[in-house]
Amino acid sequence: MRLNQVTVTMPDLDAGWLFYCTLGLKPVVDARPRYARFICPDGDSTFSLYQGEIGGGGTTVYFECSDLDETVGILSNAGIHFVSGPEDKSWLWREAELYDPGGNRIILYFAGSNRLDPPGRMDSSR
């Protein structure tokens, strides 16, 4: 099984469109004001916005960046506000936290080999 996309709810898709384009996602479908879909700049996973009044309902989306500190600097200079980071976490990931215009929590991170092979990883035969 392979993850295709994540969809989050957002009241204002125009604001979401600008936000995610600024993050570097590339538009695939523009059906605003109800729906928008993007492809991530690395790999083939996609990310969608669906218009709705309930945003930020406990959703957290992680986007991996090969050079987190540089990416955060570029985005900060482009006007994106970060709540925290980049900072090293006890689980061996480096993370920066922000919120999209719909209130969804976004984590930009770098984990290196710890992403798929963390210390204490469970044996896949379990």
C-alpha atoms as a PDB file:
ATOM      1  CA  MET A   1       0.000   0.000   0.000  1.00  0.00           C
ATOM      2  CA  ARG A   2       1.254   3.481  -0.839  1.00  0.00           C
ATOM      3  CA  LEU A   3      -0.056   6.805   0.434  1.00  0.00           C
ATOM      4  CA  ASN A   4      -1.493   8.844  -2.439  1.00  0.00           C
ATOM      5  CA  GLN A   5      -2.639  12.065  -0.849  1.00  0.00           C
ATOM      6  CA  VAL A   6      -3.670  13.906   2.264  1.00  0.00           C
ATOM      7  CA  THR A   7      -6.666  16.259   2.148  1.00  0.00           C
ATOM      8  CA  VAL A   8      -7.257  18.982   4.726  1.00  0.00           C
ATOM      9  CA  THR A   9     -10.289  21.189   5.210  1.00  0.00           C
ATOM     10  CA  MET A  10      -9.871  24.920   4.814  1.00  0.00           C
ATOM     11  CA  PRO A  11     -12.435  27.757   4.833  1.00  0.00           C
ATOM     12  CA  ASP A  12     -10.568  29.947   2.301  1.00  0.00           C
ATOM     13  CA  LEU A  13      -9.011  28.004  -0.557  1.00  0.00           C
ATOM     14  CA  ASP A  14      -7.489  31.129  -2.092  1.00  0.00           C
ATOM     15  CA  ALA A  15      -5.485  31.690   1.102  1.00  0.00           C
ATOM     16  CA  GLY A  16      -4.585  27.982   1.165  1.00  0.00           C
ATOM     17  CA  TRP A  17      -3.558  28.092  -2.499  1.00  0.00           C
ATOM     18  CA  LEU A  18      -1.136  30.953  -1.858  1.00  0.00           C
ATOM     19  CA  PHE A  19       0.209  29.339   1.322  1.00  0.00           C
ATOM     20  CA  TYR A  20       0.936  25.927  -0.222  1.00  0.00           C
ATOM     21  CA  CYS A  21       2.353  27.402  -3.427  1.00  0.00           C
ATOM     22  CA  THR A  22       4.694  29.468  -1.234  1.00  0.00           C
ATOM     23  CA  LEU A  23       5.723  26.248   0.568  1.00  0.00           C
ATOM     24  CA  GLY A  24       6.741  24.893  -2.847  1.00  0.00           C
ATOM     25  CA  LEU A  25       3.899  22.520  -3.696  1.00  0.00           C
ATOM     26  CA  LYS A  26       2.980  22.506  -7.394  1.00  0.00           C
ATOM     27  CA  PRO A  27      -0.691  22.894  -8.419  1.00  0.00           C
ATOM     28  CA  VAL A  28      -2.284  19.944 -10.226  1.00  0.00           C
ATOM     29  CA  VAL A  29      -6.024  20.739  -9.971  1.00  0.00           C
ATOM     30  CA  ASP A  30      -7.559  24.184  -9.479  1.00  0.00           C
ATOM     31  CA  ALA A  31     -11.252  23.739  -8.785  1.00  0.00           C
ATOM     32  CA  ARG A  32     -11.509  26.635  -6.367  1.00  0.00           C
ATOM     33  CA  PRO A  33     -13.481  27.632  -4.401  1.00  0.00           C
ATOM     34  CA  ARG A  34     -14.269  23.981  -3.458  1.00  0.00           C
ATOM     35  CA  TYR A  35     -11.092  21.974  -4.115  1.00  0.00           C
ATOM     36  CA  ALA A  36      -7.405  22.267  -4.995  1.00  0.00           C
ATOM     37  CA  ARG A  37      -4.732  19.610  -5.386  1.00  0.00           C
ATOM     38  CA  PHE A  38      -0.946  19.889  -5.402  1.00  0.00           C
ATOM     39  CA  ILE A  39       1.963  17.556  -6.022  1.00  0.00           C
ATOM     40  CA  CYS A  40       4.840  17.631  -3.589  1.00  0.00           C
ATOM     41  CA  PRO A  41       8.105  18.847  -5.152  1.00  0.00           C
ATOM     42  CA  ASP A  42       9.923  15.616  -4.179  1.00  0.00           C
ATOM     43  CA  GLY A  43       8.388  12.234  -4.965  1.00  0.00           C
ATOM     44  CA  ASP A  44       4.888  11.700  -6.288  1.00  0.00           C
ATOM     45  CA  SER A  45       2.632  12.223  -3.266  1.00  0.00           C
ATOM     46  CA  THR A  46      -0.130  14.796  -3.509  1.00  0.00           C
ATOM     47  CA  PHE A  47      -1.837  17.156  -1.087  1.00  0.00           C
ATOM     48  CA  SER A  48      -5.375  18.500  -1.396  1.00  0.00           C
ATOM     49  CA  LEU A  49      -7.500  21.261   0.070  1.00  0.00           C
ATOM     50  CA  TYR A  50     -11.239  20.856   0.449  1.00  0.00           C
ATOM     51  CA  GLN A  51     -13.401  23.881   1.213  1.00  0.00           C
ATOM     52  CA  GLY A  52     -15.178  23.590   4.529  1.00  0.00           C
ATOM     53  CA  GLU A  53     -15.788  25.608   7.637  1.00  0.00           C
ATOM     54  CA  ILE A  54     -14.063  23.227  10.023  1.00  0.00           C
ATOM     55  CA  GLY A  55     -10.320  23.655   9.688  1.00  0.00           C
ATOM     56  CA  GLY A  56      -7.494  22.596  11.932  1.00  0.00           C
ATOM     57  CA  GLY A  57      -9.445  19.776  13.555  1.00  0.00           C
ATOM     58  CA  GLY A  58      -6.407  18.123  15.098  1.00  0.00           C
ATOM     59  CA  THR A  59      -4.728  17.540  11.738  1.00  0.00           C
ATOM     60  CA  THR A  60      -0.926  17.602  11.599  1.00  0.00           C
ATOM     61  CA  VAL A  61       0.856  17.230   8.268  1.00  0.00           C
ATOM     62  CA  TYR A  62       4.583  16.501   8.035  1.00  0.00           C
ATOM     63  CA  PHE A  63       6.609  17.600   5.005  1.00  0.00           C
ATOM     64  CA  GLU A  64      10.203  16.361   4.855  1.00  0.00           C
ATOM     65  CA  CYS A  65      12.883  18.831   3.724  1.00  0.00           C
ATOM     66  CA  SER A  66      16.423  17.791   2.826  1.00  0.00           C
ATOM     67  CA  ASP A  67      17.762  21.162   4.073  1.00  0.00           C
ATOM     68  CA  LEU A  68      15.333  22.210   6.771  1.00  0.00           C
ATOM     69  CA  ASP A  69      17.177  25.275   8.040  1.00  0.00           C
ATOM     70  CA  GLU A  70      17.599  26.739   4.561  1.00  0.00           C
ATOM     71  CA  THR A  71      13.960  26.002   3.677  1.00  0.00           C
ATOM     72  CA  VAL A  72      12.703  27.697   6.855  1.00  0.00           C
ATOM     73  CA  GLY A  73      14.896  30.732   6.107  1.00  0.00           C
ATOM     74  CA  ILE A  74      13.567  31.029   2.555  1.00  0.00           C
ATOM     75  CA  LEU A  75       9.950  30.633   3.678  1.00  0.00           C
ATOM     76  CA  SER A  76      10.369  33.101   6.550  1.00  0.00           C
ATOM     77  CA  ASN A  77      11.748  35.653   4.082  1.00  0.00           C
ATOM     78  CA  ALA A  78       8.691  34.987   1.889  1.00  0.00           C
ATOM     79  CA  GLY A  79       6.388  35.930   4.777  1.00  0.00           C
ATOM     80  CA  ILE A  80       5.547  32.508   6.230  1.00  0.00           C
ATOM     81  CA  HIS A  81       5.288  32.678  10.049  1.00  0.00           C
ATOM     82  CA  PHE A  82       6.760  29.808  12.056  1.00  0.00           C
ATOM     83  CA  VAL A  83       5.606  29.010  15.591  1.00  0.00           C
ATOM     84  CA  SER A  84       8.889  27.276  16.412  1.00  0.00           C
ATOM     85  CA  GLY A  85      12.071  25.840  15.040  1.00  0.00           C
ATOM     86  CA  PRO A  86      14.064  24.550  13.481  1.00  0.00           C
ATOM     87  CA  GLU A  87      15.008  22.594  16.556  1.00  0.00           C
ATOM     88  CA  ASP A  88      16.336  19.127  17.329  1.00  0.00           C
ATOM     89  CA  LYS A  89      13.800  16.799  18.957  1.00  0.00           C
ATOM     90  CA  SER A  90      14.438  13.927  21.374  1.00  0.00           C
ATOM     91  CA  TRP A  91      13.144  11.458  18.726  1.00  0.00           C
ATOM     92  CA  LEU A  92      16.110  12.474  16.508  1.00  0.00           C
ATOM     93  CA  TRP A  93      14.176  14.596  14.020  1.00  0.00           C
ATOM     94  CA  ARG A  94      14.822  18.287  13.370  1.00  0.00           C
ATOM     95  CA  GLU A  95      11.508  20.170  13.098  1.00  0.00           C
ATOM     96  CA  ALA A  96       9.911  23.556  12.518  1.00  0.00           C
ATOM     97  CA  GLU A  97       6.224  24.164  13.260  1.00  0.00           C
ATOM     98  CA  LEU A  98       3.708  26.445  11.552  1.00  0.00           C
ATOM     99  CA  TYR A  99      -0.024  26.656  10.826  1.00  0.00           C
ATOM    100  CA  ASP A 100      -1.736  27.015   7.468  1.00  0.00           C
ATOM    101  CA  PRO A 101      -4.516  29.587   6.908  1.00  0.00           C
ATOM    102  CA  GLY A 102      -7.134  26.964   7.878  1.00  0.00           C
ATOM    103  CA  GLY A 103      -5.505  26.266  11.249  1.00  0.00           C
ATOM    104  CA  ASN A 104      -3.974  22.927  10.245  1.00  0.00           C
ATOM    105  CA  ARG A 105      -0.689  22.214  12.021  1.00  0.00           C
ATOM    106  CA  ILE A 106       2.233  21.800   9.612  1.00  0.00           C
ATOM    107  CA  ILE A 107       5.617  20.366  10.558  1.00  0.00           C
ATOM    108  CA  LEU A 108       8.582  20.773   8.233  1.00  0.00           C
ATOM    109  CA  TYR A 109      11.247  18.298   9.269  1.00  0.00           C
ATOM    110  CA  PHE A 110      14.418  16.412   8.479  1.00  0.00           C
ATOM    111  CA  ALA A 111      14.911  12.928   9.907  1.00  0.00           C
ATOM    112  CA  GLY A 112      17.538  11.317   7.688  1.00  0.00           C
ATOM    113  CA  SER A 113      17.787   7.588   8.288  1.00  0.00           C
ATOM    114  CA  ASN A 114      15.714   7.968  11.474  1.00  0.00           C
ATOM    115  CA  ARG A 115      12.579   8.485   9.366  1.00  0.00           C
ATOM    116  CA  LEU A 116      12.249   4.817   8.385  1.00  0.00           C
ATOM    117  CA  ASP A 117      14.889   3.217  10.616  1.00  0.00           C
ATOM    118  CA  PRO A 118      14.577   4.860  14.050  1.00  0.00           C
ATOM    119  CA  PRO A 119      16.357   3.517  17.121  1.00  0.00           C
ATOM    120  CA  GLY A 120      14.116   0.886  18.674  1.00  0.00           C
ATOM    121  CA  ARG A 121      12.296   0.138  15.423  1.00  0.00           C
ATOM    122  CA  MET A 122       9.951  -2.804  15.734  1.00  0.00           C
ATOM    123  CA  ASP A 123      10.805  -5.952  13.833  1.00  0.00           C
ATOM    124  CA  SER A 124       8.640  -5.996  10.688  1.00  0.00           C
ATOM    125  CA  SER A 125       7.758  -9.673  11.290  1.00  0.00           C
ATOM    126  CA  ARG A 126       5.733  -8.763  14.420  1.00  0.00           C
END
